[in-house]
């Protein structure tokens, strides 16, 4: 991870790339790292204490142990699914920033890149059967 950050900082110095895109990429990467760290710590303690309290509460109110375990397991799966979806969406959003960095070009270099991209896409395309 540190290697990627260092690479982006070097990219910023070598190319005339928009500073706001580099900063938003680095802030996004740091935010994902911190969010995952805090979430893992909080959810570990939340799951450990909350499951025990909920399980004991269900058993106290007459729910059978197997049913209580199944209910709590379903709730845990739903919460983890929401967290994973949020992390994937954020990572997907961040993954498009480097592509935006390469698209920040001016004048003739953008046109040359478009021609080269079109050629490589056509060259790599699978020919249609006749």
N, C-alpha and C. Protein backbone atom coordinates (compact mmCIF):
# COMPACT_ATOMS: atom_id res chain seq x y z
N UNK A 1 0.83 -1.18 0.00
CA UNK A 1 0.00 0.00 0.00
C UNK A 1 0.87 1.25 0.00
N UNK A 2 1.93 1.25 0.81
CA UNK A 2 2.81 2.41 0.84
C UNK A 2 3.53 2.60 -0.49
N UNK A 3 3.82 1.50 -1.16
CA UNK A 3 4.45 1.59 -2.48
C UNK A 3 3.55 2.28 -3.49
N UNK A 4 2.25 1.99 -3.42
CA UNK A 4 1.32 2.63 -4.33
C UNK A 4 1.22 4.13 -4.05
N UNK A 5 1.19 4.48 -2.78
CA UNK A 5 1.12 5.89 -2.41
C UNK A 5 2.37 6.62 -2.89
N UNK A 6 3.53 5.99 -2.69
CA UNK A 6 4.77 6.61 -3.15
C UNK A 6 4.78 6.74 -4.67
N UNK A 7 4.26 5.74 -5.35
CA UNK A 7 4.17 5.80 -6.81
C UNK A 7 3.29 6.93 -7.29
N UNK A 8 2.18 7.15 -6.61
CA UNK A 8 1.29 8.24 -7.00
C UNK A 8 1.93 9.60 -6.71
N UNK A 9 2.70 9.67 -5.63
CA UNK A 9 3.38 10.93 -5.35
C UNK A 9 4.45 11.21 -6.41
N UNK A 10 5.16 10.17 -6.86
CA UNK A 10 6.13 10.36 -7.93
C UNK A 10 5.45 10.71 -9.24
N UNK A 11 4.31 10.11 -9.51
CA UNK A 11 3.55 10.41 -10.71
C UNK A 11 3.14 11.88 -10.71
N UNK A 12 2.79 12.37 -9.56
CA UNK A 12 2.39 13.77 -9.44
C UNK A 12 3.55 14.70 -9.80
N UNK A 13 4.75 14.31 -9.42
CA UNK A 13 5.90 15.16 -9.70
C UNK A 13 6.37 15.06 -11.14
N UNK A 14 6.23 13.87 -11.75
CA UNK A 14 6.77 13.70 -13.10
C UNK A 14 5.81 14.16 -14.18
N UNK A 15 4.52 14.08 -13.94
CA UNK A 15 3.55 14.48 -14.94
C UNK A 15 2.84 15.76 -14.50
N UNK A 16 2.32 16.47 -15.45
CA UNK A 16 1.54 17.64 -15.10
C UNK A 16 0.09 17.21 -14.91
N UNK A 17 -0.12 16.51 -13.81
CA UNK A 17 -1.42 15.94 -13.50
C UNK A 17 -2.12 16.85 -12.50
N UNK A 18 -3.41 16.87 -12.61
CA UNK A 18 -4.20 17.69 -11.70
C UNK A 18 -3.95 17.28 -10.26
N UNK A 19 -3.62 18.26 -9.43
CA UNK A 19 -3.32 18.00 -8.03
C UNK A 19 -4.55 17.51 -7.29
N UNK A 20 -5.72 18.01 -7.65
CA UNK A 20 -6.92 17.61 -6.92
C UNK A 20 -7.24 16.13 -7.13
N UNK A 21 -6.95 15.58 -8.31
CA UNK A 21 -7.19 14.16 -8.54
C UNK A 21 -6.26 13.30 -7.71
N UNK A 22 -4.98 13.68 -7.64
CA UNK A 22 -4.02 12.92 -6.84
C UNK A 22 -4.41 12.98 -5.37
N UNK A 23 -4.76 14.18 -4.91
CA UNK A 23 -5.13 14.32 -3.50
C UNK A 23 -6.39 13.54 -3.19
N UNK A 24 -7.37 13.55 -4.09
CA UNK A 24 -8.59 12.80 -3.82
C UNK A 24 -8.32 11.30 -3.83
N UNK A 25 -7.38 10.84 -4.67
CA UNK A 25 -7.01 9.43 -4.67
C UNK A 25 -6.36 9.04 -3.34
N UNK A 26 -5.40 9.84 -2.89
CA UNK A 26 -4.71 9.53 -1.64
C UNK A 26 -5.66 9.62 -0.45
N UNK A 27 -6.52 10.63 -0.43
CA UNK A 27 -7.49 10.75 0.65
C UNK A 27 -8.45 9.57 0.63
N UNK A 28 -8.88 9.17 -0.55
CA UNK A 28 -9.77 8.02 -0.66
C UNK A 28 -9.13 6.74 -0.18
N UNK A 29 -7.87 6.53 -0.54
CA UNK A 29 -7.16 5.33 -0.09
C UNK A 29 -6.99 5.34 1.42
N UNK A 30 -6.63 6.48 1.98
CA UNK A 30 -6.48 6.57 3.43
C UNK A 30 -7.82 6.37 4.13
N UNK A 31 -8.88 6.91 3.53
CA UNK A 31 -10.20 6.76 4.12
C UNK A 31 -10.65 5.30 4.12
N UNK A 32 -10.40 4.58 3.05
CA UNK A 32 -10.76 3.16 2.99
C UNK A 32 -9.98 2.38 4.03
N UNK A 33 -8.69 2.67 4.16
CA UNK A 33 -7.86 1.97 5.14
C UNK A 33 -8.35 2.24 6.56
N UNK A 34 -8.58 3.51 6.89
CA UNK A 34 -9.03 3.85 8.24
C UNK A 34 -10.43 3.30 8.51
N UNK A 35 -11.30 3.38 7.52
CA UNK A 35 -12.66 2.86 7.69
C UNK A 35 -12.65 1.36 7.95
N UNK A 36 -11.83 0.64 7.23
CA UNK A 36 -11.77 -0.80 7.45
C UNK A 36 -11.15 -1.15 8.79
N UNK A 37 -10.17 -0.39 9.22
CA UNK A 37 -9.54 -0.63 10.52
C UNK A 37 -10.52 -0.37 11.65
N UNK A 38 -11.17 0.78 11.62
CA UNK A 38 -12.13 1.12 12.67
C UNK A 38 -13.31 0.16 12.65
N UNK A 39 -13.79 -0.18 11.48
CA UNK A 39 -14.93 -1.09 11.38
C UNK A 39 -14.59 -2.46 11.93
N UNK A 40 -13.40 -2.94 11.65
CA UNK A 40 -13.05 -4.26 12.16
C UNK A 40 -12.94 -4.27 13.68
N UNK A 41 -12.38 -3.22 14.26
CA UNK A 41 -12.28 -3.14 15.72
C UNK A 41 -13.66 -3.02 16.36
N UNK A 42 -14.48 -2.12 15.82
CA UNK A 42 -15.80 -1.92 16.40
C UNK A 42 -16.70 -3.14 16.24
N UNK A 43 -16.67 -3.73 15.09
CA UNK A 43 -17.56 -4.87 14.89
C UNK A 43 -17.10 -6.11 15.62
N UNK A 44 -15.83 -6.23 15.88
CA UNK A 44 -15.36 -7.35 16.70
C UNK A 44 -15.93 -7.24 18.10
N UNK A 45 -15.81 -6.07 18.69
CA UNK A 45 -16.35 -5.89 20.04
C UNK A 45 -17.87 -5.91 20.05
N UNK A 46 -18.48 -5.34 19.03
CA UNK A 46 -19.93 -5.34 18.94
C UNK A 46 -20.48 -6.76 18.79
N UNK A 47 -19.86 -7.53 17.96
CA UNK A 47 -20.33 -8.89 17.75
C UNK A 47 -20.12 -9.74 18.99
N UNK A 48 -18.95 -9.61 19.60
CA UNK A 48 -18.67 -10.42 20.79
C UNK A 48 -19.65 -10.13 21.92
N UNK A 49 -19.85 -8.85 22.23
CA UNK A 49 -20.75 -8.51 23.33
C UNK A 49 -22.22 -8.58 22.94
N UNK A 50 -22.54 -8.10 21.77
CA UNK A 50 -23.94 -8.05 21.35
C UNK A 50 -24.55 -9.41 21.13
N UNK A 51 -23.79 -10.32 20.57
CA UNK A 51 -24.32 -11.67 20.34
C UNK A 51 -24.59 -12.37 21.67
N UNK A 52 -23.68 -12.20 22.59
CA UNK A 52 -23.88 -12.85 23.88
C UNK A 52 -25.12 -12.31 24.59
N UNK A 53 -25.27 -10.99 24.60
CA UNK A 53 -26.43 -10.38 25.27
C UNK A 53 -27.73 -10.76 24.56
N UNK A 54 -27.74 -10.72 23.24
CA UNK A 54 -28.95 -11.07 22.50
C UNK A 54 -29.30 -12.54 22.66
N UNK A 55 -28.30 -13.38 22.63
CA UNK A 55 -28.54 -14.81 22.79
C UNK A 55 -29.11 -15.11 24.16
N UNK A 56 -28.51 -14.54 25.19
CA UNK A 56 -29.01 -14.76 26.54
C UNK A 56 -30.41 -14.18 26.72
N UNK A 57 -30.67 -13.04 26.10
CA UNK A 57 -32.00 -12.44 26.18
C UNK A 57 -33.05 -13.31 25.50
N UNK A 58 -32.71 -13.87 24.36
CA UNK A 58 -33.66 -14.75 23.67
C UNK A 58 -33.94 -16.02 24.47
N UNK A 59 -32.91 -16.58 25.02
CA UNK A 59 -33.09 -17.80 25.81
C UNK A 59 -33.91 -17.50 27.07
N UNK A 60 -33.67 -16.34 27.68
CA UNK A 60 -34.43 -15.95 28.87
C UNK A 60 -35.91 -15.80 28.55
N UNK A 61 -36.23 -15.33 27.35
CA UNK A 61 -37.63 -15.13 26.97
C UNK A 61 -38.26 -16.36 26.31
N UNK A 62 -37.60 -17.48 26.37
CA UNK A 62 -38.22 -18.73 25.95
C UNK A 62 -37.90 -19.20 24.55
N UNK A 63 -37.02 -18.55 23.84
CA UNK A 63 -36.65 -19.02 22.50
C UNK A 63 -35.67 -20.18 22.65
N UNK A 64 -35.85 -21.20 21.84
CA UNK A 64 -34.94 -22.34 21.92
C UNK A 64 -33.54 -21.93 21.46
N UNK A 65 -32.51 -22.57 22.00
CA UNK A 65 -31.13 -22.17 21.67
C UNK A 65 -30.81 -22.23 20.18
N UNK A 66 -31.28 -23.26 19.47
CA UNK A 66 -31.00 -23.36 18.04
C UNK A 66 -31.67 -22.24 17.25
N UNK A 67 -32.90 -21.92 17.60
CA UNK A 67 -33.62 -20.84 16.92
C UNK A 67 -32.94 -19.50 17.21
N UNK A 68 -32.49 -19.29 18.42
CA UNK A 68 -31.81 -18.04 18.77
C UNK A 68 -30.51 -17.90 17.99
N UNK A 69 -29.78 -19.01 17.87
CA UNK A 69 -28.52 -18.98 17.11
C UNK A 69 -28.79 -18.69 15.64
N UNK A 70 -29.84 -19.27 15.07
CA UNK A 70 -30.17 -19.02 13.66
C UNK A 70 -30.58 -17.57 13.42
N UNK A 71 -31.36 -17.02 14.30
CA UNK A 71 -31.80 -15.62 14.17
C UNK A 71 -30.59 -14.69 14.23
N UNK A 72 -29.74 -14.90 15.22
CA UNK A 72 -28.56 -14.04 15.35
C UNK A 72 -27.60 -14.23 14.18
N UNK A 73 -27.46 -15.43 13.69
CA UNK A 73 -26.61 -15.67 12.53
C UNK A 73 -27.11 -14.94 11.30
N UNK A 74 -28.42 -14.93 11.09
CA UNK A 74 -28.99 -14.20 9.95
C UNK A 74 -28.77 -12.71 10.05
N UNK A 75 -28.91 -12.17 11.25
CA UNK A 75 -28.67 -10.73 11.44
C UNK A 75 -27.21 -10.39 11.16
N UNK A 76 -26.31 -11.25 11.63
CA UNK A 76 -24.87 -11.00 11.40
C UNK A 76 -24.55 -11.04 9.91
N UNK A 77 -25.13 -11.98 9.20
CA UNK A 77 -24.88 -12.09 7.75
C UNK A 77 -25.38 -10.83 7.04
N UNK A 78 -26.55 -10.33 7.41
CA UNK A 78 -27.08 -9.12 6.78
C UNK A 78 -26.19 -7.91 7.05
N UNK A 79 -25.73 -7.75 8.28
CA UNK A 79 -24.87 -6.62 8.61
C UNK A 79 -23.55 -6.70 7.84
N UNK A 80 -22.97 -7.88 7.79
CA UNK A 80 -21.72 -8.03 7.05
C UNK A 80 -21.91 -7.80 5.56
N UNK A 81 -23.05 -8.19 5.01
CA UNK A 81 -23.32 -7.95 3.59
C UNK A 81 -23.39 -6.46 3.29
N UNK A 82 -24.01 -5.69 4.17
CA UNK A 82 -24.08 -4.24 3.97
C UNK A 82 -22.69 -3.61 4.05
N UNK A 83 -21.89 -4.04 4.99
CA UNK A 83 -20.53 -3.50 5.13
C UNK A 83 -19.68 -3.85 3.91
N UNK A 84 -19.78 -5.07 3.44
CA UNK A 84 -19.00 -5.48 2.28
C UNK A 84 -19.43 -4.71 1.04
N UNK A 85 -20.74 -4.52 0.86
CA UNK A 85 -21.21 -3.76 -0.30
C UNK A 85 -20.71 -2.32 -0.25
N UNK A 86 -20.72 -1.70 0.92
CA UNK A 86 -20.22 -0.33 1.04
C UNK A 86 -18.73 -0.26 0.71
N UNK A 87 -17.97 -1.21 1.19
CA UNK A 87 -16.53 -1.22 0.91
C UNK A 87 -16.24 -1.46 -0.56
N UNK A 88 -16.99 -2.35 -1.18
CA UNK A 88 -16.78 -2.63 -2.62
C UNK A 88 -17.14 -1.41 -3.46
N UNK A 89 -18.25 -0.75 -3.13
CA UNK A 89 -18.64 0.45 -3.88
C UNK A 89 -17.60 1.56 -3.74
N UNK A 90 -17.07 1.73 -2.54
CA UNK A 90 -16.05 2.75 -2.34
C UNK A 90 -14.77 2.39 -3.07
N UNK A 91 -14.37 1.13 -3.03
CA UNK A 91 -13.16 0.71 -3.74
C UNK A 91 -13.34 0.84 -5.25
N UNK A 92 -14.53 0.56 -5.76
CA UNK A 92 -14.81 0.71 -7.18
C UNK A 92 -14.70 2.17 -7.59
N UNK A 93 -15.23 3.05 -6.76
CA UNK A 93 -15.17 4.48 -7.05
C UNK A 93 -13.72 4.97 -7.04
N UNK A 94 -12.94 4.49 -6.11
CA UNK A 94 -11.55 4.92 -6.01
C UNK A 94 -10.73 4.34 -7.16
N UNK A 95 -11.07 3.15 -7.63
CA UNK A 95 -10.27 2.52 -8.68
C UNK A 95 -10.34 3.26 -10.01
N UNK A 96 -11.33 4.11 -10.19
CA UNK A 96 -11.44 4.86 -11.44
C UNK A 96 -10.63 6.16 -11.43
N UNK A 97 -10.12 6.56 -10.29
CA UNK A 97 -9.33 7.80 -10.22
C UNK A 97 -8.03 7.69 -11.01
N UNK A 98 -7.26 6.57 -10.93
CA UNK A 98 -6.04 6.51 -11.76
C UNK A 98 -6.34 6.62 -13.26
N UNK A 99 -7.46 6.09 -13.72
CA UNK A 99 -7.80 6.22 -15.13
C UNK A 99 -8.07 7.68 -15.48
N UNK A 100 -8.71 8.40 -14.56
CA UNK A 100 -8.95 9.82 -14.78
C UNK A 100 -7.63 10.59 -14.83
N UNK A 101 -6.66 10.13 -14.03
CA UNK A 101 -5.36 10.79 -14.04
C UNK A 101 -4.68 10.65 -15.40
N UNK A 102 -4.84 9.51 -16.02
CA UNK A 102 -4.20 9.32 -17.32
C UNK A 102 -4.94 10.04 -18.43
N UNK A 103 -6.20 10.39 -18.21
CA UNK A 103 -6.97 11.08 -19.23
C UNK A 103 -6.76 12.59 -19.21
N UNK A 104 -6.08 13.10 -18.18
CA UNK A 104 -5.81 14.52 -18.09
C UNK A 104 -4.62 14.83 -19.00
N UNK A 105 -4.92 15.14 -20.23
CA UNK A 105 -3.90 15.43 -21.22
C UNK A 105 -4.36 16.64 -22.01
N UNK A 106 -3.48 17.14 -22.81
CA UNK A 106 -3.86 18.32 -23.58
C UNK A 106 -3.49 18.14 -25.04
N UNK A 107 -4.23 18.84 -25.86
CA UNK A 107 -3.90 18.98 -27.27
C UNK A 107 -3.72 17.70 -28.03
N UNK A 108 -2.60 17.63 -28.75
CA UNK A 108 -2.39 16.54 -29.70
C UNK A 108 -2.13 15.21 -29.00
N UNK A 109 -1.60 15.24 -27.79
CA UNK A 109 -1.31 13.96 -27.12
C UNK A 109 -2.59 13.18 -26.84
N UNK A 110 -3.70 13.87 -26.57
CA UNK A 110 -4.96 13.17 -26.34
C UNK A 110 -5.43 12.52 -27.63
N UNK A 111 -5.30 13.22 -28.75
CA UNK A 111 -5.72 12.66 -30.03
C UNK A 111 -4.85 11.46 -30.42
N UNK A 112 -3.56 11.55 -30.15
CA UNK A 112 -2.68 10.43 -30.44
C UNK A 112 -3.05 9.23 -29.59
N UNK A 113 -3.34 9.47 -28.32
CA UNK A 113 -3.75 8.37 -27.45
C UNK A 113 -5.06 7.76 -27.92
N UNK A 114 -5.99 8.57 -28.38
CA UNK A 114 -7.26 8.04 -28.89
C UNK A 114 -7.03 7.16 -30.11
N UNK A 115 -6.15 7.59 -31.01
CA UNK A 115 -5.86 6.79 -32.20
C UNK A 115 -5.19 5.48 -31.81
N UNK A 116 -4.24 5.53 -30.90
CA UNK A 116 -3.54 4.32 -30.46
C UNK A 116 -4.50 3.38 -29.74
N UNK A 117 -5.38 3.92 -28.90
CA UNK A 117 -6.37 3.09 -28.22
C UNK A 117 -7.31 2.43 -29.21
N UNK A 118 -7.78 3.18 -30.20
CA UNK A 118 -8.67 2.61 -31.20
C UNK A 118 -7.97 1.51 -31.99
N UNK A 119 -6.70 1.74 -32.34
CA UNK A 119 -5.94 0.72 -33.07
C UNK A 119 -5.79 -0.54 -32.23
N UNK A 120 -5.40 -0.38 -30.95
CA UNK A 120 -5.18 -1.55 -30.11
C UNK A 120 -6.48 -2.31 -29.84
N UNK A 121 -7.59 -1.60 -29.70
CA UNK A 121 -8.87 -2.28 -29.52
C UNK A 121 -9.26 -3.05 -30.78
N UNK A 122 -9.05 -2.44 -31.94
CA UNK A 122 -9.35 -3.13 -33.19
C UNK A 122 -8.42 -4.29 -33.45
N UNK A 123 -7.15 -4.13 -33.08
CA UNK A 123 -6.18 -5.19 -33.29
C UNK A 123 -6.45 -6.38 -32.38
N UNK A 124 -6.87 -6.11 -31.16
CA UNK A 124 -7.13 -7.18 -30.19
C UNK A 124 -8.53 -7.75 -30.30
N UNK A 125 -9.38 -7.18 -31.11
CA UNK A 125 -10.77 -7.66 -31.22
C UNK A 125 -10.79 -9.01 -31.92
N UNK A 126 -11.73 -9.83 -31.50
CA UNK A 126 -11.91 -11.15 -32.10
C UNK A 126 -12.69 -10.97 -33.39
N UNK A 127 -12.16 -11.44 -34.51
CA UNK A 127 -12.88 -11.26 -35.77
C UNK A 127 -14.17 -12.06 -35.79
N UNK A 128 -15.18 -11.47 -36.40
CA UNK A 128 -16.49 -12.13 -36.50
C UNK A 128 -16.42 -13.23 -37.57
N UNK A 129 -17.10 -14.33 -37.29
CA UNK A 129 -17.13 -15.43 -38.25
C UNK A 129 -18.14 -15.10 -39.34
N UNK A 130 -17.75 -15.41 -40.58
CA UNK A 130 -18.63 -15.11 -41.72
C UNK A 130 -19.39 -16.31 -42.18
